[in-house]
N, C-alpha and C. Protein backbone atom coordinates (compact mmCIF):
# COMPACT_ATOMS: atom_id res chain seq x y z
N UNK A 1 9.73 12.49 -17.33
CA UNK A 1 9.72 12.04 -15.97
C UNK A 1 9.91 10.55 -15.87
N UNK A 2 10.74 10.13 -15.04
CA UNK A 2 10.96 8.65 -14.90
C UNK A 2 9.82 8.04 -14.31
N UNK A 3 9.71 6.69 -14.44
CA UNK A 3 8.53 5.91 -14.06
C UNK A 3 9.03 4.58 -13.41
N UNK A 4 8.45 4.14 -12.34
CA UNK A 4 8.85 2.80 -11.75
C UNK A 4 8.31 1.73 -12.65
N UNK A 5 9.24 0.79 -13.09
CA UNK A 5 8.83 -0.25 -13.95
C UNK A 5 9.06 -1.64 -13.32
N UNK A 6 9.44 -1.72 -12.03
CA UNK A 6 9.76 -2.93 -11.39
C UNK A 6 8.47 -3.70 -10.93
N UNK A 7 8.65 -4.73 -10.16
CA UNK A 7 7.50 -5.57 -9.70
C UNK A 7 6.58 -4.66 -8.77
N UNK A 8 5.34 -4.70 -9.08
CA UNK A 8 4.39 -3.79 -8.38
C UNK A 8 3.84 -4.33 -7.01
N UNK A 9 3.71 -5.68 -6.93
CA UNK A 9 3.21 -6.24 -5.59
C UNK A 9 4.29 -5.94 -4.59
N UNK A 10 5.56 -5.93 -4.95
CA UNK A 10 6.68 -5.64 -4.05
C UNK A 10 6.47 -4.29 -3.28
N UNK A 11 5.81 -3.34 -3.91
CA UNK A 11 5.55 -2.15 -3.32
C UNK A 11 4.52 -2.13 -2.26
N UNK A 12 3.44 -2.94 -2.49
CA UNK A 12 2.43 -3.17 -1.41
C UNK A 12 3.08 -3.90 -0.29
N UNK A 13 3.91 -4.88 -0.55
CA UNK A 13 4.54 -5.62 0.59
C UNK A 13 5.44 -4.71 1.42
N UNK A 14 6.17 -3.74 0.68
CA UNK A 14 7.08 -2.94 1.36
C UNK A 14 6.52 -1.98 2.39
N UNK A 15 5.27 -1.47 1.97
CA UNK A 15 4.58 -0.49 2.88
C UNK A 15 3.53 -1.17 3.78
N UNK A 16 3.21 -2.54 3.50
CA UNK A 16 2.29 -3.21 4.31
C UNK A 16 0.83 -2.92 4.13
N UNK A 17 0.45 -2.23 3.08
CA UNK A 17 -0.91 -2.10 2.73
C UNK A 17 -1.07 -2.21 1.18
N UNK A 18 -2.27 -2.70 0.64
CA UNK A 18 -2.39 -2.69 -0.80
C UNK A 18 -2.54 -1.28 -1.44
N UNK A 19 -1.64 -1.05 -2.28
CA UNK A 19 -1.61 0.30 -2.95
C UNK A 19 -2.56 0.23 -4.18
N UNK A 20 -3.07 -0.88 -4.52
CA UNK A 20 -3.97 -0.97 -5.75
C UNK A 20 -5.09 -1.96 -5.20
N UNK A 21 -6.31 -1.68 -5.55
CA UNK A 21 -7.44 -2.58 -5.21
C UNK A 21 -7.73 -3.63 -6.13
N UNK A 22 -6.68 -4.45 -6.39
CA UNK A 22 -6.99 -5.71 -7.17
C UNK A 22 -6.47 -6.91 -6.33
N UNK A 23 -7.03 -8.06 -6.63
CA UNK A 23 -6.72 -9.25 -5.81
C UNK A 23 -5.28 -9.52 -5.67
N UNK A 24 -4.44 -9.35 -6.61
CA UNK A 24 -3.03 -9.63 -6.56
C UNK A 24 -2.45 -8.80 -5.38
N UNK A 25 -2.88 -7.66 -5.15
CA UNK A 25 -2.32 -6.76 -4.08
C UNK A 25 -3.00 -6.89 -2.76
N UNK A 26 -4.36 -7.32 -2.75
CA UNK A 26 -5.10 -7.35 -1.55
C UNK A 26 -5.04 -8.71 -0.89
N UNK A 27 -4.52 -9.68 -1.53
CA UNK A 27 -4.37 -11.02 -0.93
C UNK A 27 -3.64 -10.89 0.33
N UNK A 28 -4.04 -11.55 1.39
CA UNK A 28 -3.41 -11.41 2.83
C UNK A 28 -1.93 -11.83 2.74
N UNK A 29 -1.68 -12.87 1.99
CA UNK A 29 -0.27 -13.38 1.97
C UNK A 29 0.71 -12.38 1.33
N UNK A 30 0.14 -11.47 0.47
CA UNK A 30 0.96 -10.52 -0.21
C UNK A 30 1.39 -9.32 0.64
N UNK A 31 0.76 -9.22 1.83
CA UNK A 31 1.12 -8.02 2.68
C UNK A 31 2.15 -8.35 3.67
N UNK A 32 2.75 -9.61 3.63
CA UNK A 32 3.87 -9.83 4.46
C UNK A 32 5.08 -9.08 3.87
N UNK A 33 5.95 -8.65 4.76
CA UNK A 33 7.17 -7.94 4.20
C UNK A 33 8.03 -8.75 3.18
N UNK A 34 8.71 -8.15 2.27
CA UNK A 34 9.45 -8.90 1.30
C UNK A 34 10.50 -9.86 1.87
N UNK A 35 10.89 -10.86 1.19
CA UNK A 35 11.84 -11.84 1.63
C UNK A 35 11.19 -13.18 1.95
N UNK A 36 12.05 -14.17 2.01
CA UNK A 36 11.50 -15.63 2.13
C UNK A 36 10.73 -15.73 3.44
N UNK A 37 11.21 -15.11 4.48
CA UNK A 37 10.54 -15.38 5.76
C UNK A 37 9.83 -14.07 6.28
N UNK A 38 9.77 -13.07 5.37
CA UNK A 38 9.10 -11.90 5.74
C UNK A 38 9.80 -10.93 6.80
N UNK A 39 10.99 -11.24 7.17
CA UNK A 39 11.84 -10.47 8.13
C UNK A 39 10.93 -9.90 9.22
N UNK A 40 10.53 -10.76 10.13
CA UNK A 40 9.63 -10.47 11.23
C UNK A 40 10.45 -9.70 12.30
N UNK A 41 9.72 -8.94 13.06
CA UNK A 41 10.31 -8.34 14.28
C UNK A 41 10.85 -6.93 13.95
N UNK A 42 10.66 -6.43 12.80
CA UNK A 42 11.15 -5.07 12.44
C UNK A 42 10.31 -4.01 13.15
N UNK A 43 11.00 -3.17 13.88
CA UNK A 43 10.32 -2.04 14.49
C UNK A 43 10.77 -0.76 13.95
N UNK A 44 9.77 0.06 13.38
CA UNK A 44 10.16 1.36 12.81
C UNK A 44 10.34 2.40 13.86
N UNK A 45 11.25 3.26 13.67
CA UNK A 45 11.43 4.43 14.50
C UNK A 45 10.62 5.58 13.91
N UNK A 46 10.64 6.70 14.53
CA UNK A 46 9.80 7.82 14.17
C UNK A 46 10.05 8.20 12.71
N UNK A 47 11.36 8.23 12.24
CA UNK A 47 11.60 8.60 10.89
C UNK A 47 11.07 7.49 9.93
N UNK A 48 11.19 6.27 10.31
CA UNK A 48 10.73 5.17 9.50
C UNK A 48 9.23 5.18 9.29
N UNK A 49 8.55 5.54 10.33
CA UNK A 49 7.13 5.52 10.24
C UNK A 49 6.63 6.69 9.34
N UNK A 50 7.23 7.73 9.38
CA UNK A 50 6.91 8.91 8.49
C UNK A 50 7.24 8.58 7.04
N UNK A 51 8.46 8.02 6.91
CA UNK A 51 8.89 7.54 5.48
C UNK A 51 7.84 6.62 4.91
N UNK A 52 7.47 5.61 5.70
CA UNK A 52 6.55 4.58 5.26
C UNK A 52 5.25 5.17 4.81
N UNK A 53 4.71 6.16 5.54
CA UNK A 53 3.55 6.85 5.23
C UNK A 53 3.62 7.66 3.95
N UNK A 54 4.72 8.38 3.77
CA UNK A 54 4.94 9.01 2.52
C UNK A 54 5.07 8.10 1.35
N UNK A 55 5.73 6.98 1.52
CA UNK A 55 5.89 5.99 0.37
C UNK A 55 4.58 5.43 0.02
N UNK A 56 3.73 5.22 0.96
CA UNK A 56 2.33 4.70 0.63
C UNK A 56 1.62 5.60 -0.36
N UNK A 57 1.69 6.89 0.00
CA UNK A 57 1.00 7.91 -0.90
C UNK A 57 1.67 8.02 -2.25
N UNK A 58 2.93 7.93 -2.26
CA UNK A 58 3.74 8.08 -3.54
C UNK A 58 3.33 6.81 -4.40
N UNK A 59 3.37 5.61 -3.83
CA UNK A 59 3.18 4.45 -4.68
C UNK A 59 1.67 4.44 -5.13
N UNK A 60 0.75 4.90 -4.26
CA UNK A 60 -0.64 4.79 -4.71
C UNK A 60 -0.93 5.70 -5.91
N UNK A 61 -0.20 6.87 -6.08
CA UNK A 61 -0.46 7.71 -7.16
C UNK A 61 0.67 7.61 -8.22
N UNK A 62 1.63 6.67 -8.02
CA UNK A 62 2.66 6.40 -9.04
C UNK A 62 3.43 7.65 -9.30
N UNK A 63 3.99 8.32 -8.23
CA UNK A 63 4.66 9.62 -8.52
C UNK A 63 6.09 9.39 -7.96
N UNK A 64 7.13 9.87 -8.71
CA UNK A 64 8.45 9.73 -8.34
C UNK A 64 8.75 10.75 -7.26
N UNK A 65 9.94 10.63 -6.58
CA UNK A 65 10.21 11.45 -5.32
C UNK A 65 10.31 12.95 -5.67
N UNK A 66 11.04 13.29 -6.69
CA UNK A 66 11.21 14.65 -6.99
C UNK A 66 9.84 15.42 -7.28
N UNK A 67 9.05 14.71 -8.11
CA UNK A 67 7.77 15.27 -8.35
C UNK A 67 6.84 15.39 -7.09
N UNK A 68 6.93 14.38 -6.25
CA UNK A 68 6.15 14.36 -5.06
C UNK A 68 6.57 15.56 -4.13
N UNK A 69 7.92 15.74 -4.07
CA UNK A 69 8.43 16.84 -3.31
C UNK A 69 7.96 18.21 -3.89
N UNK A 70 7.87 18.27 -5.18
CA UNK A 70 7.38 19.51 -5.80
C UNK A 70 5.92 19.75 -5.46
N UNK A 71 5.14 18.70 -5.43
CA UNK A 71 3.68 18.86 -5.01
C UNK A 71 3.61 19.29 -3.59
N UNK A 72 4.51 18.80 -2.74
CA UNK A 72 4.47 19.15 -1.33
C UNK A 72 4.92 20.62 -1.19
N UNK A 73 5.89 21.09 -1.94
CA UNK A 73 6.26 22.48 -1.85
C UNK A 73 5.06 23.42 -2.27
N UNK A 74 4.50 23.04 -3.40
CA UNK A 74 3.27 23.82 -3.87
C UNK A 74 2.11 23.81 -2.84
N UNK A 75 1.91 22.66 -2.12
CA UNK A 75 0.78 22.63 -1.24
C UNK A 75 1.19 23.49 0.04
N UNK A 76 2.42 23.51 0.37
CA UNK A 76 2.91 24.32 1.58
C UNK A 76 2.68 25.82 1.20
N UNK A 77 2.83 26.18 0.02
CA UNK A 77 2.72 27.64 -0.37
C UNK A 77 1.34 28.05 -0.61
N UNK A 78 0.42 27.09 -0.93
CA UNK A 78 -0.92 27.45 -1.30
C UNK A 78 -1.79 27.76 -0.03
N UNK A 79 -2.88 28.48 -0.33
CA UNK A 79 -3.74 28.82 0.81
C UNK A 79 -4.46 27.56 1.21
N UNK A 80 -4.86 27.51 2.50
CA UNK A 80 -5.60 26.30 3.07
C UNK A 80 -4.66 25.33 3.70
N UNK A 81 -5.32 24.22 4.12
CA UNK A 81 -4.66 23.11 4.79
C UNK A 81 -3.69 22.46 3.85
N UNK A 82 -2.39 22.33 4.25
CA UNK A 82 -1.40 21.72 3.31
C UNK A 82 -1.77 20.31 2.94
N UNK A 83 -2.22 19.42 3.89
CA UNK A 83 -2.54 18.10 3.54
C UNK A 83 -3.72 17.97 2.60
N UNK A 84 -4.69 18.83 2.78
CA UNK A 84 -5.90 18.78 1.88
C UNK A 84 -5.47 19.21 0.41
N UNK A 85 -4.68 20.33 0.38
CA UNK A 85 -4.22 20.74 -0.88
C UNK A 85 -3.42 19.69 -1.61
N UNK A 86 -2.54 18.99 -0.83
CA UNK A 86 -1.69 17.95 -1.47
C UNK A 86 -2.49 16.87 -2.00
N UNK A 87 -3.46 16.31 -1.23
CA UNK A 87 -4.34 15.22 -1.73
C UNK A 87 -5.16 15.65 -2.86
N UNK A 88 -5.63 16.92 -2.87
CA UNK A 88 -6.49 17.38 -3.92
C UNK A 88 -5.63 17.44 -5.26
N UNK A 89 -4.42 17.89 -5.17
CA UNK A 89 -3.55 17.99 -6.28
C UNK A 89 -3.23 16.66 -6.83
N UNK A 90 -2.95 15.64 -6.08
CA UNK A 90 -2.69 14.35 -6.58
C UNK A 90 -3.94 13.71 -7.10
N UNK A 91 -5.11 13.95 -6.45
CA UNK A 91 -6.34 13.32 -6.93
C UNK A 91 -6.74 13.86 -8.27
N UNK A 92 -6.36 15.20 -8.61
CA UNK A 92 -6.81 15.76 -9.89
C UNK A 92 -5.83 15.53 -11.13
N UNK A 93 -4.82 14.58 -10.85
CA UNK A 93 -3.96 14.22 -11.92
C UNK A 93 -4.82 13.44 -12.93
N UNK A 94 -4.53 13.60 -14.26
CA UNK A 94 -5.36 12.98 -15.27
C UNK A 94 -5.35 11.41 -15.28
N UNK A 95 -4.17 10.92 -14.90
CA UNK A 95 -4.11 9.42 -14.89
C UNK A 95 -4.88 8.87 -13.72
N UNK A 96 -4.94 9.60 -12.57
CA UNK A 96 -5.75 9.25 -11.43
C UNK A 96 -7.20 9.29 -11.74
N UNK A 97 -7.62 10.40 -12.52
CA UNK A 97 -9.07 10.42 -12.91
C UNK A 97 -9.47 9.25 -13.69
N UNK A 98 -8.62 8.83 -14.66
CA UNK A 98 -8.84 7.60 -15.48
C UNK A 98 -9.15 6.43 -14.64
N UNK A 99 -8.32 6.30 -13.54
CA UNK A 99 -8.36 5.15 -12.62
C UNK A 99 -9.74 5.27 -11.82
N UNK A 100 -10.01 6.42 -11.25
CA UNK A 100 -11.21 6.63 -10.45
C UNK A 100 -12.53 6.34 -11.28
N UNK A 101 -12.45 6.67 -12.59
CA UNK A 101 -13.60 6.32 -13.51
C UNK A 101 -13.78 4.86 -13.71
N UNK A 102 -12.76 4.09 -13.42
CA UNK A 102 -12.84 2.56 -13.67
C UNK A 102 -12.38 2.22 -15.11
N UNK A 103 -11.86 3.20 -15.87
CA UNK A 103 -11.43 2.91 -17.12
C UNK A 103 -10.14 2.13 -17.23
N UNK A 104 -9.35 2.11 -16.08
CA UNK A 104 -8.25 1.19 -15.98
C UNK A 104 -8.30 0.56 -14.59
N UNK A 105 -7.70 -0.58 -14.51
CA UNK A 105 -7.76 -1.31 -13.21
C UNK A 105 -6.71 -0.81 -12.25
N UNK A 106 -5.62 -0.29 -12.73
CA UNK A 106 -4.53 0.15 -11.89
C UNK A 106 -4.07 1.59 -12.36
N UNK A 107 -3.23 2.22 -11.51
CA UNK A 107 -2.75 3.54 -11.86
C UNK A 107 -1.71 3.35 -12.95
N UNK A 108 -0.99 2.28 -13.04
CA UNK A 108 0.01 2.02 -14.12
C UNK A 108 -0.69 1.95 -15.53
N UNK A 109 -1.87 1.14 -15.46
CA UNK A 109 -2.61 1.08 -16.70
C UNK A 109 -3.20 2.39 -17.10
N UNK A 110 -3.64 3.16 -16.16
CA UNK A 110 -4.25 4.43 -16.46
C UNK A 110 -3.16 5.39 -17.05
N UNK A 111 -2.01 5.32 -16.51
CA UNK A 111 -0.86 6.15 -17.01
C UNK A 111 -0.56 5.75 -18.48
N UNK A 112 -0.63 4.42 -18.75
CA UNK A 112 -0.38 3.94 -20.06
C UNK A 112 -1.39 4.48 -21.11
N UNK A 113 -2.62 4.43 -20.73
CA UNK A 113 -3.80 4.90 -21.61
C UNK A 113 -3.54 6.37 -22.00
N UNK A 114 -3.17 7.14 -20.91
CA UNK A 114 -3.01 8.56 -21.12
C UNK A 114 -1.79 8.80 -21.96
N UNK A 115 -0.65 8.15 -21.59
CA UNK A 115 0.58 8.36 -22.25
C UNK A 115 0.69 7.96 -23.72
N UNK A 116 -0.23 7.01 -24.12
CA UNK A 116 -0.26 6.58 -25.52
C UNK A 116 -1.22 7.48 -26.35
N UNK A 117 -1.78 8.55 -25.71
CA UNK A 117 -2.55 9.51 -26.43
C UNK A 117 -3.96 9.16 -26.72
N UNK A 118 -4.53 8.31 -25.92
CA UNK A 118 -5.90 7.74 -26.13
C UNK A 118 -6.98 8.63 -25.55
N UNK A 119 -6.57 9.60 -24.76
CA UNK A 119 -7.56 10.40 -23.92
C UNK A 119 -7.60 11.87 -24.48
N UNK A 120 -8.87 12.36 -24.56
CA UNK A 120 -9.08 13.77 -24.98
C UNK A 120 -9.56 14.47 -23.90
N UNK A 121 -8.88 15.65 -23.58
CA UNK A 121 -9.33 16.57 -22.54
C UNK A 121 -9.90 17.82 -23.19
N UNK A 122 -11.24 18.00 -22.94
CA UNK A 122 -11.88 19.08 -23.74
C UNK A 122 -11.69 19.05 -25.18
N UNK A 123 -11.69 17.85 -25.76
CA UNK A 123 -11.63 17.67 -27.30
C UNK A 123 -10.12 17.65 -27.77
N UNK A 124 -9.21 17.88 -26.89
CA UNK A 124 -7.80 17.90 -27.34
C UNK A 124 -7.05 16.59 -26.80
N UNK A 125 -6.12 16.10 -27.60
CA UNK A 125 -5.35 14.94 -27.15
C UNK A 125 -4.43 15.36 -26.10
N UNK A 126 -4.37 14.69 -24.96
CA UNK A 126 -3.55 14.92 -23.87
C UNK A 126 -2.83 13.74 -23.53
N UNK A 127 -1.42 13.73 -23.60
CA UNK A 127 -0.70 12.53 -23.28
C UNK A 127 0.17 12.72 -22.14
N UNK A 128 -0.16 13.69 -21.27
CA UNK A 128 0.68 13.92 -19.99
C UNK A 128 -0.10 13.45 -18.79
N UNK A 129 0.36 12.32 -18.21
CA UNK A 129 -0.42 11.78 -17.11
C UNK A 129 -0.67 12.70 -15.82
N UNK A 130 0.33 13.63 -15.68
CA UNK A 130 0.28 14.50 -14.53
C UNK A 130 -0.54 15.79 -14.76
N UNK A 131 -1.15 15.89 -15.89
CA UNK A 131 -1.93 17.04 -16.25
C UNK A 131 -3.08 17.20 -15.25
N UNK A 132 -3.29 18.42 -14.71
CA UNK A 132 -4.27 18.63 -13.75
C UNK A 132 -5.60 18.95 -14.42
N UNK A 133 -6.67 18.25 -13.96
CA UNK A 133 -8.08 18.47 -14.52
C UNK A 133 -8.67 19.57 -13.53
N UNK A 134 -9.57 20.41 -14.13
CA UNK A 134 -10.31 21.36 -13.45
C UNK A 134 -11.81 21.26 -13.55
N UNK A 135 -12.48 21.89 -12.71
CA UNK A 135 -13.96 21.81 -12.82
C UNK A 135 -14.49 22.30 -14.06
N UNK A 136 -15.37 21.45 -14.66
CA UNK A 136 -15.93 21.73 -15.99
C UNK A 136 -15.21 20.99 -17.23
N UNK A 137 -14.01 20.39 -16.92
CA UNK A 137 -13.29 19.66 -17.96
C UNK A 137 -14.07 18.41 -18.35
N UNK A 138 -14.04 18.15 -19.68
CA UNK A 138 -14.72 16.95 -20.15
C UNK A 138 -13.64 16.01 -20.72
N UNK A 139 -13.78 14.67 -20.33
CA UNK A 139 -12.79 13.67 -20.61
C UNK A 139 -13.48 12.62 -21.52
N UNK A 140 -12.91 12.32 -22.64
CA UNK A 140 -13.42 11.38 -23.58
C UNK A 140 -12.26 10.53 -24.11
N UNK A 141 -12.66 9.53 -24.92
CA UNK A 141 -11.61 8.69 -25.50
C UNK A 141 -11.55 8.87 -27.04
N UNK A 142 -10.35 8.64 -27.59
CA UNK A 142 -10.10 9.00 -28.93
C UNK A 142 -10.66 7.93 -29.97
N UNK A 143 -10.45 6.72 -29.79
CA UNK A 143 -10.76 5.63 -30.84
C UNK A 143 -11.61 4.54 -30.19
N UNK A 144 -12.31 3.85 -31.19
CA UNK A 144 -13.23 2.86 -30.75
C UNK A 144 -12.51 1.62 -30.10
N UNK A 145 -11.26 1.24 -30.60
CA UNK A 145 -10.62 0.07 -30.00
C UNK A 145 -10.22 0.39 -28.50
N UNK A 146 -9.94 1.67 -28.19
CA UNK A 146 -9.62 1.89 -26.78
C UNK A 146 -10.94 1.90 -25.93
N UNK A 147 -12.09 2.31 -26.56
CA UNK A 147 -13.29 2.23 -25.87
C UNK A 147 -13.70 0.83 -25.53
N UNK A 148 -13.43 -0.16 -26.46
CA UNK A 148 -13.67 -1.56 -26.13
C UNK A 148 -12.76 -2.00 -25.01
N UNK A 149 -11.48 -1.61 -24.95
CA UNK A 149 -10.71 -2.00 -23.94
C UNK A 149 -11.17 -1.45 -22.51
N UNK A 150 -11.58 -0.15 -22.53
CA UNK A 150 -12.17 0.51 -21.40
C UNK A 150 -13.34 -0.22 -20.87
N UNK A 151 -14.28 -0.63 -21.77
CA UNK A 151 -15.51 -1.32 -21.38
C UNK A 151 -15.16 -2.62 -20.75
N UNK A 152 -14.16 -3.34 -21.21
CA UNK A 152 -13.62 -4.52 -20.71
C UNK A 152 -13.07 -4.40 -19.30
N UNK A 153 -12.32 -3.31 -19.09
CA UNK A 153 -11.83 -3.00 -17.79
C UNK A 153 -12.98 -2.68 -16.77
N UNK A 154 -13.97 -2.00 -17.15
CA UNK A 154 -15.13 -1.63 -16.36
C UNK A 154 -15.94 -2.88 -15.96
N UNK A 155 -16.00 -3.80 -16.90
CA UNK A 155 -16.71 -5.04 -16.61
C UNK A 155 -15.96 -5.96 -15.62
N UNK A 156 -14.61 -5.74 -15.65
CA UNK A 156 -13.77 -6.57 -14.65
C UNK A 156 -13.71 -5.97 -13.32
N UNK A 157 -14.32 -4.81 -13.10
CA UNK A 157 -14.43 -4.04 -11.76
C UNK A 157 -15.88 -4.01 -11.35
N UNK A 158 -16.48 -5.14 -11.03
CA UNK A 158 -17.95 -5.08 -10.60
C UNK A 158 -18.05 -4.31 -9.27
N UNK A 159 -18.98 -3.43 -9.16
CA UNK A 159 -19.30 -2.73 -7.95
C UNK A 159 -18.42 -1.43 -7.85
N UNK A 160 -17.67 -1.07 -8.86
CA UNK A 160 -16.88 0.06 -8.78
C UNK A 160 -17.74 1.30 -8.89
N UNK A 161 -17.41 2.25 -7.96
CA UNK A 161 -18.21 3.49 -7.87
C UNK A 161 -17.43 4.64 -8.21
N UNK A 162 -17.94 5.42 -9.06
CA UNK A 162 -17.30 6.72 -9.53
C UNK A 162 -17.49 7.74 -8.42
N UNK A 163 -16.39 8.43 -8.03
CA UNK A 163 -16.60 9.37 -6.90
C UNK A 163 -17.51 10.54 -7.23
N UNK A 164 -18.02 11.23 -6.17
CA UNK A 164 -19.05 12.20 -6.40
C UNK A 164 -18.58 13.42 -7.08
N UNK A 165 -17.34 13.66 -7.27
CA UNK A 165 -16.82 14.90 -7.89
C UNK A 165 -16.64 14.68 -9.39
N UNK A 166 -17.02 13.46 -9.86
CA UNK A 166 -17.01 13.18 -11.30
C UNK A 166 -18.44 12.72 -11.73
N UNK A 167 -18.92 13.08 -12.98
CA UNK A 167 -20.03 12.50 -13.47
C UNK A 167 -19.66 11.69 -14.71
N UNK A 168 -20.33 10.68 -14.95
CA UNK A 168 -19.92 9.72 -16.00
C UNK A 168 -21.11 9.09 -16.87
N UNK A 169 -21.00 9.22 -18.12
CA UNK A 169 -22.10 8.65 -19.08
C UNK A 169 -21.58 7.45 -19.63
N UNK A 170 -21.89 6.22 -19.21
CA UNK A 170 -21.38 5.01 -19.62
C UNK A 170 -21.69 4.75 -21.22
N UNK A 171 -22.82 5.23 -21.64
CA UNK A 171 -23.13 5.00 -23.10
C UNK A 171 -22.14 5.71 -24.01
N UNK A 172 -21.67 6.83 -23.71
CA UNK A 172 -20.71 7.51 -24.64
C UNK A 172 -19.31 7.54 -24.08
N UNK A 173 -19.16 6.98 -22.85
CA UNK A 173 -17.80 7.04 -22.23
C UNK A 173 -17.30 8.40 -22.14
N UNK A 174 -18.15 9.29 -21.63
CA UNK A 174 -17.72 10.66 -21.45
C UNK A 174 -17.88 11.07 -19.92
N UNK A 175 -16.81 11.63 -19.45
CA UNK A 175 -16.83 12.11 -18.00
C UNK A 175 -16.60 13.53 -17.95
N UNK A 176 -17.23 14.09 -16.82
CA UNK A 176 -17.11 15.57 -16.55
C UNK A 176 -16.68 15.79 -15.20
N UNK A 177 -15.72 16.70 -14.90
CA UNK A 177 -15.33 17.09 -13.58
C UNK A 177 -16.39 18.10 -13.00
N UNK A 178 -17.08 17.69 -12.02
CA UNK A 178 -18.09 18.67 -11.57
C UNK A 178 -17.81 19.37 -10.31
N UNK A 179 -16.81 18.99 -9.58
CA UNK A 179 -16.41 19.55 -8.32
C UNK A 179 -14.98 19.29 -8.03
N UNK A 180 -14.45 19.94 -6.96
CA UNK A 180 -13.18 19.69 -6.52
C UNK A 180 -13.12 18.54 -5.44
N UNK A 181 -12.32 17.56 -5.54
CA UNK A 181 -12.34 16.47 -4.70
C UNK A 181 -11.98 16.84 -3.26
N UNK A 182 -12.63 16.20 -2.28
CA UNK A 182 -12.29 16.47 -0.88
C UNK A 182 -11.58 15.26 -0.33
N UNK A 183 -10.96 15.40 0.88
CA UNK A 183 -10.18 14.32 1.47
C UNK A 183 -11.04 13.10 1.78
N UNK A 184 -12.32 13.37 2.18
CA UNK A 184 -13.17 12.20 2.52
C UNK A 184 -13.66 11.40 1.35
N UNK A 185 -13.35 11.91 0.07
CA UNK A 185 -13.78 11.25 -1.09
C UNK A 185 -12.66 10.37 -1.68
N UNK A 186 -11.59 10.39 -0.98
CA UNK A 186 -10.40 9.58 -1.51
C UNK A 186 -10.48 8.21 -0.85
N UNK A 187 -10.56 7.12 -1.66
CA UNK A 187 -10.67 5.80 -1.05
C UNK A 187 -9.33 5.17 -0.60
N UNK A 188 -8.48 5.93 0.00
CA UNK A 188 -7.19 5.39 0.44
C UNK A 188 -6.81 6.16 1.72
N UNK A 189 -6.55 5.40 2.77
CA UNK A 189 -6.32 5.93 4.08
C UNK A 189 -4.75 6.33 4.28
N UNK A 190 -4.51 7.56 4.57
CA UNK A 190 -3.19 8.00 4.71
C UNK A 190 -3.18 9.13 5.84
N UNK A 191 -2.08 9.19 6.59
CA UNK A 191 -1.93 10.28 7.62
C UNK A 191 -1.11 11.32 7.12
N UNK A 192 -1.82 12.44 6.60
CA UNK A 192 -1.06 13.49 5.98
C UNK A 192 -0.18 14.28 7.00
N UNK A 193 -0.48 14.25 8.25
CA UNK A 193 0.37 15.00 9.20
C UNK A 193 1.72 14.33 9.26
N UNK A 194 1.80 13.00 9.22
CA UNK A 194 3.08 12.32 9.24
C UNK A 194 3.94 12.75 7.98
N UNK A 195 3.29 12.88 6.88
CA UNK A 195 3.93 13.20 5.62
C UNK A 195 4.46 14.58 5.67
N UNK A 196 3.67 15.42 6.17
CA UNK A 196 4.07 16.87 6.32
C UNK A 196 5.25 16.99 7.27
N UNK A 197 5.26 16.24 8.39
CA UNK A 197 6.32 16.24 9.34
C UNK A 197 7.58 15.66 8.79
N UNK A 198 7.42 14.69 7.80
CA UNK A 198 8.62 14.12 7.20
C UNK A 198 9.47 15.22 6.43
N UNK A 199 8.75 16.10 5.78
CA UNK A 199 9.49 17.09 5.03
C UNK A 199 9.86 18.37 5.80
N UNK A 200 9.59 18.41 7.07
CA UNK A 200 10.02 19.49 7.89
C UNK A 200 11.34 19.25 8.52
């Protein structure tokens, strides 16, 4: 699966909200539109508003368009509210779980930790960032040098809170999925109705 490797702050500027909770993205001056003068006066039409909302969610989870569309097709076929299923599916990606635990500062760093084979899921090496975790899964790290990196990342995120659907033991760096995430546990505001309308 392809992955975006270009400038990351540009993504936050493009959609007008910080897609990562780090100072480089949350700085007020970084939320101006791209370009020397920020191209003021742009008014989005209905299509543009829905596209922008969809891109916000895509960038937040670092998912390419084809994969995002596949998630949307799956959510539309599944039982229950399409928006809730979509958010739950994205939230249960392994790279996102690593980010929510605070083991990595950004989704791109979390993807790298998983992709390099440093994460064990139920005792097995898992190097697929899009792997879906389930209730009862246990997530650990493979080597001590990665554990040192993770501890440094956690120290650089003071006040970070692990969501309620995960339990975490900081002494052993072991996490367990204890529940299915709900939309109110996701620390990112997005209008799912607009995204669903975009694909109709």
